[in-house]
Full PDB file with SEQRES, HELIX, SHEET, SSBOND, CRYST1, ORIGX, SCALE, CONECT and MASTER records, all heavy atoms in Angstrom:
SEQRES   1 A   38  ARG ASP SER GLN ARG PRO VAL VAL MET ALA SER SER GLU          
SEQRES   2 A   38  GLY GLY VAL ASP ILE GLU GLU THR ALA ALA ASN ASN PRO          
SEQRES   3 A   38  ARG ALA ILE LEU LYS GLN TYR VAL ASP PRO ALA VAL              
HELIX    1 AA1 ILE A   18  ASN A   24  1                                   7    
HELIX    2 AA2 PRO A   26  ALA A   28  5                                   3    
SHEET    1 AA1 2 VAL A   7  ALA A  10  0                                        
SHEET    2 AA1 2 LEU A  30  TYR A  33 -1                                        
CRYST1    1.000    1.000    1.000  90.00  90.00  90.00 P 1           1          
ORIGX1      1.000000  0.000000  0.000000        0.00000                         
ORIGX2      0.000000  1.000000  0.000000        0.00000                         
ORIGX3      0.000000  0.000000  1.000000        0.00000                         
SCALE1      1.000000  0.000000  0.000000        0.00000                         
SCALE2      0.000000  1.000000  0.000000        0.00000                         
SCALE3      0.000000  0.000000  1.000000        0.00000                         
ATOM      1  N   ARG A   1      28.672  43.902 -66.896  1.00  0.00           N  
ATOM      2  CA  ARG A   1      28.050  42.997 -67.866  1.00  0.00           C  
ATOM      3  C   ARG A   1      27.004  42.099 -67.223  1.00  0.00           C  
ATOM      4  O   ARG A   1      26.006  41.761 -67.862  1.00  0.00           O  
ATOM      5  CB  ARG A   1      29.129  42.142 -68.542  1.00  0.00           C  
ATOM      6  CG  ARG A   1      30.066  42.943 -69.422  1.00  0.00           C  
ATOM      7  CD  ARG A   1      30.984  42.045 -70.220  1.00  0.00           C  
ATOM      8  NE  ARG A   1      31.839  42.809 -71.116  1.00  0.00           N  
ATOM      9  CZ  ARG A   1      32.669  42.265 -71.999  1.00  0.00           C  
ATOM     10  NH1 ARG A   1      32.745  40.949 -72.101  1.00  0.00           N  
ATOM     11  NH2 ARG A   1      33.418  43.016 -72.783  1.00  0.00           N  
ATOM     12  N   ASP A   2      27.227  41.708 -65.980  1.00  0.00           N  
ATOM     13  CA  ASP A   2      26.279  40.803 -65.329  1.00  0.00           C  
ATOM     14  C   ASP A   2      24.916  41.467 -65.145  1.00  0.00           C  
ATOM     15  O   ASP A   2      23.873  40.877 -65.422  1.00  0.00           O  
ATOM     16  CB  ASP A   2      26.829  40.337 -63.985  1.00  0.00           C  
ATOM     17  CG  ASP A   2      28.021  39.403 -64.141  1.00  0.00           C  
ATOM     18  OD1 ASP A   2      28.146  38.804 -65.223  1.00  0.00           O  
ATOM     19  OD2 ASP A   2      28.822  39.291 -63.199  1.00  0.00           O  
ATOM     20  N   SER A   3      24.926  42.719 -64.662  1.00  0.00           N  
ATOM     21  CA  SER A   3      23.666  43.426 -64.426  1.00  0.00           C  
ATOM     22  C   SER A   3      23.207  44.211 -65.644  1.00  0.00           C  
ATOM     23  O   SER A   3      22.092  44.713 -65.687  1.00  0.00           O  
ATOM     24  CB  SER A   3      23.819  44.392 -63.241  1.00  0.00           C  
ATOM     25  OG  SER A   3      24.770  45.397 -63.538  1.00  0.00           O  
ATOM     26  N   GLN A   4      24.109  44.340 -66.633  1.00  0.00           N  
ATOM     27  CA  GLN A   4      23.816  45.082 -67.865  1.00  0.00           C  
ATOM     28  C   GLN A   4      23.431  46.528 -67.570  1.00  0.00           C  
ATOM     29  O   GLN A   4      22.526  47.085 -68.180  1.00  0.00           O  
ATOM     30  CB  GLN A   4      22.723  44.373 -68.670  1.00  0.00           C  
ATOM     31  CG  GLN A   4      23.101  42.971 -69.097  1.00  0.00           C  
ATOM     32  CD  GLN A   4      22.046  42.304 -69.962  1.00  0.00           C  
ATOM     33  OE1 GLN A   4      21.062  42.914 -70.363  1.00  0.00           O  
ATOM     34  NE2 GLN A   4      22.241  41.029 -70.264  1.00  0.00           N  
ATOM     35  N   ARG A   5      24.186  47.138 -66.675  1.00  0.00           N  
ATOM     36  CA  ARG A   5      23.958  48.538 -66.342  1.00  0.00           C  
ATOM     37  C   ARG A   5      25.224  49.112 -65.718  1.00  0.00           C  
ATOM     38  O   ARG A   5      26.110  48.365 -65.291  1.00  0.00           O  
ATOM     39  CB  ARG A   5      22.765  48.689 -65.400  1.00  0.00           C  
ATOM     40  CG  ARG A   5      22.907  47.950 -64.065  1.00  0.00           C  
ATOM     41  CD  ARG A   5      21.630  48.048 -63.242  1.00  0.00           C  
ATOM     42  NE  ARG A   5      20.490  47.480 -63.948  1.00  0.00           N  
ATOM     43  CZ  ARG A   5      19.223  47.668 -63.598  1.00  0.00           C  
ATOM     44  NH1 ARG A   5      18.936  48.397 -62.531  1.00  0.00           N  
ATOM     45  NH2 ARG A   5      18.247  47.111 -64.291  1.00  0.00           N  
ATOM     46  N   PRO A   6      25.324  50.442 -65.644  1.00  0.00           N  
ATOM     47  CA  PRO A   6      26.510  51.028 -65.010  1.00  0.00           C  
ATOM     48  C   PRO A   6      26.513  50.744 -63.516  1.00  0.00           C  
ATOM     49  O   PRO A   6      25.461  50.620 -62.880  1.00  0.00           O  
ATOM     50  CB  PRO A   6      26.351  52.530 -65.280  1.00  0.00           C  
ATOM     51  CG  PRO A   6      25.333  52.646 -66.375  1.00  0.00           C  
ATOM     52  CD  PRO A   6      24.430  51.463 -66.219  1.00  0.00           C  
ATOM     53  N   VAL A   7      27.722  50.669 -62.962  1.00  0.00           N  
ATOM     54  CA  VAL A   7      27.874  50.519 -61.519  1.00  0.00           C  
ATOM     55  C   VAL A   7      28.909  51.529 -61.035  1.00  0.00           C  
ATOM     56  O   VAL A   7      29.964  51.693 -61.641  1.00  0.00           O  
ATOM     57  CB  VAL A   7      28.284  49.071 -61.136  1.00  0.00           C  
ATOM     58  CG1 VAL A   7      29.578  48.655 -61.816  1.00  0.00           C  
ATOM     59  CG2 VAL A   7      28.419  48.933 -59.627  1.00  0.00           C  
ATOM     60  N   VAL A   8      28.551  52.235 -59.966  1.00  0.00           N  
ATOM     61  CA  VAL A   8      29.475  53.179 -59.329  1.00  0.00           C  
ATOM     62  C   VAL A   8      30.140  52.442 -58.171  1.00  0.00           C  
ATOM     63  O   VAL A   8      29.453  51.895 -57.304  1.00  0.00           O  
ATOM     64  CB  VAL A   8      28.734  54.429 -58.818  1.00  0.00           C  
ATOM     65  CG1 VAL A   8      29.719  55.411 -58.183  1.00  0.00           C  
ATOM     66  CG2 VAL A   8      27.974  55.105 -59.963  1.00  0.00           C  
ATOM     67  N   MET A   9      31.456  52.415 -58.182  1.00  0.00           N  
ATOM     68  CA  MET A   9      32.211  51.691 -57.159  1.00  0.00           C  
ATOM     69  C   MET A   9      33.093  52.660 -56.380  1.00  0.00           C  
ATOM     70  O   MET A   9      33.627  53.617 -56.950  1.00  0.00           O  
ATOM     71  CB  MET A   9      33.074  50.606 -57.792  1.00  0.00           C  
ATOM     72  CG  MET A   9      32.305  49.596 -58.617  1.00  0.00           C  
ATOM     73  SD  MET A   9      33.354  48.234 -59.204  1.00  0.00           S  
ATOM     74  CE  MET A   9      34.483  49.143 -60.267  1.00  0.00           C  
ATOM     75  N   ALA A  10      33.247  52.394 -55.087  1.00  0.00           N  
ATOM     76  CA  ALA A  10      34.092  53.239 -54.250  1.00  0.00           C  
ATOM     77  C   ALA A  10      34.733  52.394 -53.164  1.00  0.00           C  
ATOM     78  O   ALA A  10      34.224  51.336 -52.786  1.00  0.00           O  
ATOM     79  CB  ALA A  10      33.283  54.374 -53.633  1.00  0.00           C  
ATOM     80  N   SER A  11      35.858  52.881 -52.673  1.00  0.00           N  
ATOM     81  CA  SER A  11      36.543  52.207 -51.576  1.00  0.00           C  
ATOM     82  C   SER A  11      37.308  53.243 -50.762  1.00  0.00           C  
ATOM     83  O   SER A  11      37.825  54.219 -51.307  1.00  0.00           O  
ATOM     84  CB  SER A  11      37.512  51.140 -52.100  1.00  0.00           C  
ATOM     85  OG  SER A  11      38.265  50.587 -51.036  1.00  0.00           O  
ATOM     86  N   SER A  12      37.364  53.004 -49.461  1.00  0.00           N  
ATOM     87  CA  SER A  12      38.143  53.884 -48.597  1.00  0.00           C  
ATOM     88  C   SER A  12      39.627  53.593 -48.713  1.00  0.00           C  
ATOM     89  O   SER A  12      40.455  54.342 -48.192  1.00  0.00           O  
ATOM     90  CB  SER A  12      37.706  53.707 -47.134  1.00  0.00           C  
ATOM     91  OG  SER A  12      37.883  52.354 -46.725  1.00  0.00           O  
ATOM     92  N   GLU A  13      39.984  52.500 -49.402  1.00  0.00           N  
ATOM     93  CA  GLU A  13      41.375  52.089 -49.537  1.00  0.00           C  
ATOM     94  C   GLU A  13      41.862  52.352 -50.959  1.00  0.00           C  
ATOM     95  O   GLU A  13      42.097  51.436 -51.740  1.00  0.00           O  
ATOM     96  CB  GLU A  13      41.530  50.608 -49.177  1.00  0.00           C  
ATOM     97  CG  GLU A  13      41.061  50.275 -47.768  1.00  0.00           C  
ATOM     98  CD  GLU A  13      41.183  48.795 -47.453  1.00  0.00           C  
ATOM     99  OE1 GLU A  13      42.075  48.144 -48.029  1.00  0.00           O  
ATOM    100  OE2 GLU A  13      40.391  48.297 -46.637  1.00  0.00           O  
ATOM    101  N   GLY A  14      41.993  53.633 -51.307  1.00  0.00           N  
ATOM    102  CA  GLY A  14      42.473  54.002 -52.626  1.00  0.00           C  
ATOM    103  C   GLY A  14      43.982  54.015 -52.692  1.00  0.00           C  
ATOM    104  O   GLY A  14      44.679  53.710 -51.727  1.00  0.00           O  
ATOM    105  N   GLY A  15      44.513  54.356 -53.879  1.00  0.00           N  
ATOM    106  CA  GLY A  15      45.953  54.421 -54.048  1.00  0.00           C  
ATOM    107  C   GLY A  15      46.469  53.347 -54.978  1.00  0.00           C  
ATOM    108  O   GLY A  15      45.721  52.733 -55.737  1.00  0.00           O  
ATOM    109  N   VAL A  16      47.770  53.075 -54.873  1.00  0.00           N  
ATOM    110  CA  VAL A  16      48.434  52.226 -55.861  1.00  0.00           C  
ATOM    111  C   VAL A  16      48.071  50.755 -55.738  1.00  0.00           C  
ATOM    112  O   VAL A  16      48.291  49.978 -56.665  1.00  0.00           O  
ATOM    113  CB  VAL A  16      49.972  52.385 -55.765  1.00  0.00           C  
ATOM    114  CG1 VAL A  16      50.382  53.790 -56.131  1.00  0.00           C  
ATOM    115  CG2 VAL A  16      50.469  52.030 -54.360  1.00  0.00           C  
ATOM    116  N   ASP A  17      47.526  50.332 -54.604  1.00  0.00           N  
ATOM    117  CA  ASP A  17      47.271  48.907 -54.384  1.00  0.00           C  
ATOM    118  C   ASP A  17      45.791  48.550 -54.423  1.00  0.00           C  
ATOM    119  O   ASP A  17      45.361  47.590 -53.788  1.00  0.00           O  
ATOM    120  CB  ASP A  17      47.868  48.470 -53.043  1.00  0.00           C  
ATOM    121  CG  ASP A  17      49.386  48.609 -53.008  1.00  0.00           C  
ATOM    122  OD1 ASP A  17      50.023  48.273 -54.025  1.00  0.00           O  
ATOM    123  OD2 ASP A  17      49.913  49.062 -51.978  1.00  0.00           O  
ATOM    124  N   ILE A  18      44.994  49.291 -55.185  1.00  0.00           N  
ATOM    125  CA  ILE A  18      43.554  49.048 -55.215  1.00  0.00           C  
ATOM    126  C   ILE A  18      43.241  47.667 -55.780  1.00  0.00           C  
ATOM    127  O   ILE A  18      42.279  47.008 -55.359  1.00  0.00           O  
ATOM    128  CB  ILE A  18      42.819  50.144 -56.023  1.00  0.00           C  
ATOM    129  CG1 ILE A  18      41.307  49.949 -55.924  1.00  0.00           C  
ATOM    130  CG2 ILE A  18      43.287  50.168 -57.453  1.00  0.00           C  
ATOM    131  CD1 ILE A  18      40.742  50.067 -54.538  1.00  0.00           C  
ATOM    132  N   GLU A  19      44.067  47.176 -56.721  1.00  0.00           N  
ATOM    133  CA  GLU A  19      43.822  45.845 -57.286  1.00  0.00           C  
ATOM    134  C   GLU A  19      43.933  44.770 -56.214  1.00  0.00           C  
ATOM    135  O   GLU A  19      43.146  43.815 -56.183  1.00  0.00           O  
ATOM    136  CB  GLU A  19      44.808  45.559 -58.425  1.00  0.00           C  
ATOM    137  CG  GLU A  19      44.583  46.392 -59.682  1.00  0.00           C  
ATOM    138  CD  GLU A  19      45.323  47.699 -59.638  1.00  0.00           C  
ATOM    139  OE1 GLU A  19      45.927  48.015 -58.575  1.00  0.00           O  
ATOM    140  OE2 GLU A  19      45.306  48.434 -60.636  1.00  0.00           O  
ATOM    141  N   GLU A  20      44.927  44.924 -55.325  1.00  0.00           N  
ATOM    142  CA  GLU A  20      45.086  43.958 -54.244  1.00  0.00           C  
ATOM    143  C   GLU A  20      43.915  44.037 -53.270  1.00  0.00           C  
ATOM    144  O   GLU A  20      43.453  43.012 -52.761  1.00  0.00           O  
ATOM    145  CB  GLU A  20      46.408  44.219 -53.507  1.00  0.00           C  
ATOM    146  CG  GLU A  20      47.648  43.973 -54.348  1.00  0.00           C  
ATOM    147  CD  GLU A  20      48.926  44.224 -53.569  1.00  0.00           C  
ATOM    148  OE1 GLU A  20      48.843  44.317 -52.322  1.00  0.00           O  
ATOM    149  OE2 GLU A  20      49.994  44.331 -54.197  1.00  0.00           O  
ATOM    150  N   THR A  21      43.435  45.247 -53.027  1.00  0.00           N  
ATOM    151  CA  THR A  21      42.279  45.410 -52.141  1.00  0.00           C  
ATOM    152  C   THR A  21      41.068  44.684 -52.701  1.00  0.00           C  
ATOM    153  O   THR A  21      40.355  43.970 -51.983  1.00  0.00           O  
ATOM    154  CB  THR A  21      41.953  46.903 -51.962  1.00  0.00           C  
ATOM    155  OG1 THR A  21      43.076  47.564 -51.372  1.00  0.00           O  
ATOM    156  CG2 THR A  21      40.727  47.091 -51.080  1.00  0.00           C  
ATOM    157  N   ALA A  22      40.817  44.862 -53.997  1.00  0.00           N  
ATOM    158  CA  ALA A  22      39.659  44.229 -54.631  1.00  0.00           C  
ATOM    159  C   ALA A  22      39.775  42.710 -54.597  1.00  0.00           C  
ATOM    160  O   ALA A  22      38.772  42.003 -54.434  1.00  0.00           O  
ATOM    161  CB  ALA A  22      39.525  44.723 -56.070  1.00  0.00           C  
ATOM    162  N   ALA A  23      41.006  42.194 -54.742  1.00  0.00           N  
ATOM    163  CA  ALA A  23      41.200  40.746 -54.771  1.00  0.00           C  
ATOM    164  C   ALA A  23      41.136  40.136 -53.376  1.00  0.00           C  
ATOM    165  O   ALA A  23      40.535  39.071 -53.180  1.00  0.00           O  
ATOM    166  CB  ALA A  23      42.542  40.420 -55.428  1.00  0.00           C  
ATOM    167  N   ASN A  24      41.730  40.812 -52.405  1.00  0.00           N  
ATOM    168  CA  ASN A  24      41.849  40.237 -51.064  1.00  0.00           C  
ATOM    169  C   ASN A  24      40.697  40.599 -50.130  1.00  0.00           C  
ATOM    170  O   ASN A  24      40.422  39.869 -49.180  1.00  0.00           O  
ATOM    171  CB  ASN A  24      43.171  40.685 -50.427  1.00  0.00           C  
ATOM    172  CG  ASN A  24      44.373  40.226 -51.225  1.00  0.00           C  
ATOM    173  OD1 ASN A  24      44.346  39.165 -51.853  1.00  0.00           O  
ATOM    174  ND2 ASN A  24      45.435  41.019 -51.210  1.00  0.00           N  
ATOM    175  N   ASN A  25      40.052  41.732 -50.401  1.00  0.00           N  
ATOM    176  CA  ASN A  25      38.972  42.173 -49.525  1.00  0.00           C  
ATOM    177  C   ASN A  25      37.850  42.805 -50.347  1.00  0.00           C  
ATOM    178  O   ASN A  25      37.637  44.022 -50.312  1.00  0.00           O  
ATOM    179  CB  ASN A  25      39.508  43.182 -48.498  1.00  0.00           C  
ATOM    180  CG  ASN A  25      38.458  43.548 -47.450  1.00  0.00           C  
ATOM    181  OD1 ASN A  25      37.454  42.850 -47.280  1.00  0.00           O  
ATOM    182  ND2 ASN A  25      38.681  44.664 -46.752  1.00  0.00           N  
ATOM    183  N   PRO A  26      37.137  41.995 -51.124  1.00  0.00           N  
ATOM    184  CA  PRO A  26      36.104  42.540 -52.014  1.00  0.00           C  
ATOM    185  C   PRO A  26      35.009  43.309 -51.282  1.00  0.00           C  
ATOM    186  O   PRO A  26      34.352  44.168 -51.873  1.00  0.00           O  
ATOM    187  CB  PRO A  26      35.541  41.294 -52.713  1.00  0.00           C  
ATOM    188  CG  PRO A  26      35.954  40.131 -51.865  1.00  0.00           C  
ATOM    189  CD  PRO A  26      37.243  40.528 -51.233  1.00  0.00           C  
ATOM    190  N   ARG A  27      34.797  43.021 -49.990  1.00  0.00           N  
ATOM    191  CA  ARG A  27      33.779  43.756 -49.236  1.00  0.00           C  
ATOM    192  C   ARG A  27      34.155  45.213 -49.016  1.00  0.00           C  
ATOM    193  O   ARG A  27      33.299  46.033 -48.649  1.00  0.00           O  
ATOM    194  CB  ARG A  27      33.539  43.074 -47.895  1.00  0.00           C  
ATOM    195  CG  ARG A  27      32.866  41.705 -48.006  1.00  0.00           C  
ATOM    196  CD  ARG A  27      32.489  41.156 -46.648  1.00  0.00           C  
ATOM    197  NE  ARG A  27      31.784  39.889 -46.746  1.00  0.00           N  
ATOM    198  CZ  ARG A  27      31.307  39.209 -45.718  1.00  0.00           C  
ATOM    199  NH1 ARG A  27      31.480  39.700 -44.478  1.00  0.00           N  
ATOM    200  NH2 ARG A  27      30.671  38.069 -45.884  1.00  0.00           N  
ATOM    201  N   ALA A  28      35.433  45.536 -49.238  1.00  0.00           N  
ATOM    202  CA  ALA A  28      35.874  46.921 -49.087  1.00  0.00           C  
ATOM    203  C   ALA A  28      35.438  47.781 -50.265  1.00  0.00           C  
ATOM    204  O   ALA A  28      35.581  49.008 -50.224  1.00  0.00           O  
ATOM    205  CB  ALA A  28      37.390  46.979 -48.931  1.00  0.00           C  
ATOM    206  N   ILE A  29      34.914  47.152 -51.312  1.00  0.00           N  
ATOM    207  CA  ILE A  29      34.452  47.878 -52.492  1.00  0.00           C  
ATOM    208  C   ILE A  29      32.938  48.094 -52.388  1.00  0.00           C  
ATOM    209  O   ILE A  29      32.159  47.139 -52.401  1.00  0.00           O  
ATOM    210  CB  ILE A  29      34.780  47.110 -53.791  1.00  0.00           C  
ATOM    211  CG1 ILE A  29      36.260  46.730 -53.826  1.00  0.00           C  
ATOM    212  CG2 ILE A  29      34.390  47.935 -54.999  1.00  0.00           C  
ATOM    213  CD1 ILE A  29      37.215  47.895 -53.891  1.00  0.00           C  
ATOM    214  N   LEU A  30      32.527  49.345 -52.270  1.00  0.00           N  
ATOM    215  CA  LEU A  30      31.102  49.696 -52.243  1.00  0.00           C  
ATOM    216  C   LEU A  30      30.583  49.800 -53.667  1.00  0.00           C  
ATOM    217  O   LEU A  30      31.284  50.288 -54.559  1.00  0.00           O  
ATOM    218  CB  LEU A  30      30.898  51.023 -51.512  1.00  0.00           C  
ATOM    219  CG  LEU A  30      31.511  51.143 -50.113  1.00  0.00           C  
ATOM    220  CD1 LEU A  30      31.309  52.556 -49.577  1.00  0.00           C  
ATOM    221  CD2 LEU A  30      30.893  50.123 -49.177  1.00  0.00           C  
ATOM    222  N   LYS A  31      29.332  49.360 -53.887  1.00  0.00           N  
ATOM    223  CA  LYS A  31      28.768  49.384 -55.242  1.00  0.00           C  
ATOM    224  C   LYS A  31      27.351  49.929 -55.222  1.00  0.00           C  
ATOM    225  O   LYS A  31      26.557  49.594 -54.343  1.00  0.00           O  
ATOM    226  CB  LYS A  31      28.767  47.981 -55.859  1.00  0.00           C  
ATOM    227  CG  LYS A  31      30.154  47.390 -56.083  1.00  0.00           C  
ATOM    228  CD  LYS A  31      30.071  46.011 -56.739  1.00  0.00           C  
ATOM    229  CE  LYS A  31      31.463  45.429 -56.963  1.00  0.00           C  
ATOM    230  NZ  LYS A  31      31.404  44.096 -57.613  1.00  0.00           N  
ATOM    231  N   GLN A  32      27.065  50.769 -56.206  1.00  0.00           N  
ATOM    232  CA  GLN A  32      25.715  51.268 -56.436  1.00  0.00           C  
ATOM    233  C   GLN A  32      25.401  51.072 -57.916  1.00  0.00           C  
ATOM    234  O   GLN A  32      26.028  51.694 -58.789  1.00  0.00           O  
ATOM    235  CB  GLN A  32      25.595  52.753 -56.056  1.00  0.00           C  
ATOM    236  CG  GLN A  32      25.600  53.040 -54.570  1.00  0.00           C  
ATOM    237  CD  GLN A  32      24.310  52.584 -53.897  1.00  0.00           C  
ATOM    238  OE1 GLN A  32      23.236  52.613 -54.503  1.00  0.00           O  
ATOM    239  NE2 GLN A  32      24.412  52.167 -52.634  1.00  0.00           N  
ATOM    240  N   TYR A  33      24.413  50.202 -58.206  1.00  0.00           N  
ATOM    241  CA  TYR A  33      24.019  49.947 -59.585  1.00  0.00           C  
ATOM    242  C   TYR A  33      23.022  51.005 -60.043  1.00  0.00           C  
ATOM    243  O   TYR A  33      22.141  51.413 -59.281  1.00  0.00           O  
ATOM    244  CB  TYR A  33      23.427  48.549 -59.717  1.00  0.00           C  
ATOM    245  CG  TYR A  33      24.445  47.461 -59.471  1.00  0.00           C  
ATOM    246  CD1 TYR A  33      24.655  46.952 -58.180  1.00  0.00           C  
ATOM    247  CD2 TYR A  33      25.210  46.954 -60.515  1.00  0.00           C  
ATOM    248  CE1 TYR A  33      25.610  45.966 -57.952  1.00  0.00           C  
ATOM    249  CE2 TYR A  33      26.161  45.970 -60.289  1.00  0.00           C  
ATOM    250  CZ  TYR A  33      26.359  45.483 -59.005  1.00  0.00           C  
ATOM    251  OH  TYR A  33      27.307  44.513 -58.779  1.00  0.00           O  
ATOM    252  N   VAL A  34      23.173  51.433 -61.290  1.00  0.00           N  
ATOM    253  CA  VAL A  34      22.372  52.543 -61.807  1.00  0.00           C  
ATOM    254  C   VAL A  34      21.364  52.035 -62.830  1.00  0.00           C  
ATOM    255  O   VAL A  34      21.738  51.404 -63.825  1.00  0.00           O  
ATOM    256  CB  VAL A  34      23.270  53.613 -62.457  1.00  0.00           C  
ATOM    257  CG1 VAL A  34      22.428  54.800 -62.932  1.00  0.00           C  
ATOM    258  CG2 VAL A  34      24.349  54.076 -61.474  1.00  0.00           C  
ATOM    259  N   ASP A  35      20.100  52.319 -62.593  1.00  0.00           N  
ATOM    260  CA  ASP A  35      19.049  52.019 -63.564  1.00  0.00           C  
ATOM    261  C   ASP A  35      19.094  53.100 -64.640  1.00  0.00           C  
ATOM    262  O   ASP A  35      18.833  54.274 -64.354  1.00  0.00           O  
ATOM    263  CB  ASP A  35      17.687  52.012 -62.875  1.00  0.00           C  
ATOM    264  CG  ASP A  35      16.561  51.597 -63.817  1.00  0.00           C  
ATOM    265  OD1 ASP A  35      16.768  51.607 -65.050  1.00  0.00           O  
ATOM    266  OD2 ASP A  35      15.468  51.272 -63.313  1.00  0.00           O  
ATOM    267  N   PRO A  36      19.431  52.755 -65.893  1.00  0.00           N  
ATOM    268  CA  PRO A  36      19.530  53.783 -66.939  1.00  0.00           C  
ATOM    269  C   PRO A  36      18.235  54.554 -67.154  1.00  0.00           C  
ATOM    270  O   PRO A  36      18.265  55.688 -67.641  1.00  0.00           O  
ATOM    271  CB  PRO A  36      19.900  52.972 -68.188  1.00  0.00           C  
ATOM    272  CG  PRO A  36      20.490  51.709 -67.668  1.00  0.00           C  
ATOM    273  CD  PRO A  36      19.755  51.415 -66.398  1.00  0.00           C  
ATOM    274  N   ALA A  37      17.101  53.957 -66.784  1.00  0.00           N  
ATOM    275  CA  ALA A  37      15.818  54.632 -66.997  1.00  0.00           C  
ATOM    276  C   ALA A  37      15.640  55.836 -66.078  1.00  0.00           C  
ATOM    277  O   ALA A  37      14.938  56.789 -66.423  1.00  0.00           O  
ATOM    278  CB  ALA A  37      14.660  53.647 -66.789  1.00  0.00           C  
ATOM    279  N   VAL A  38      16.265  55.797 -64.902  1.00  0.00           N  
ATOM    280  CA  VAL A  38      16.099  56.899 -63.941  1.00  0.00           C  
ATOM    281  C   VAL A  38      17.405  57.621 -63.649  1.00  0.00           C  
ATOM    282  O   VAL A  38      17.401  58.725 -63.102  1.00  0.00           O  
ATOM    283  CB  VAL A  38      15.473  56.389 -62.623  1.00  0.00           C  
ATOM    284  CG1 VAL A  38      14.097  55.827 -62.875  1.00  0.00           C  
ATOM    285  CG2 VAL A  38      16.366  55.335 -61.960  1.00  0.00           C  
TER     286      VAL A  38                                                      
MASTER        0    0    0    2    2    0    0    6  285    1    0    3          
END                                                                             
């Protein structure tokens, strides 16, 4: 919603505790924002 575009997110720390990873170590989440025009 902030960028008003899709974002592809990835992390090397997948599995059942991904919510804790996002909360405790947000830098572990990689993000690529997508321009809908391209």
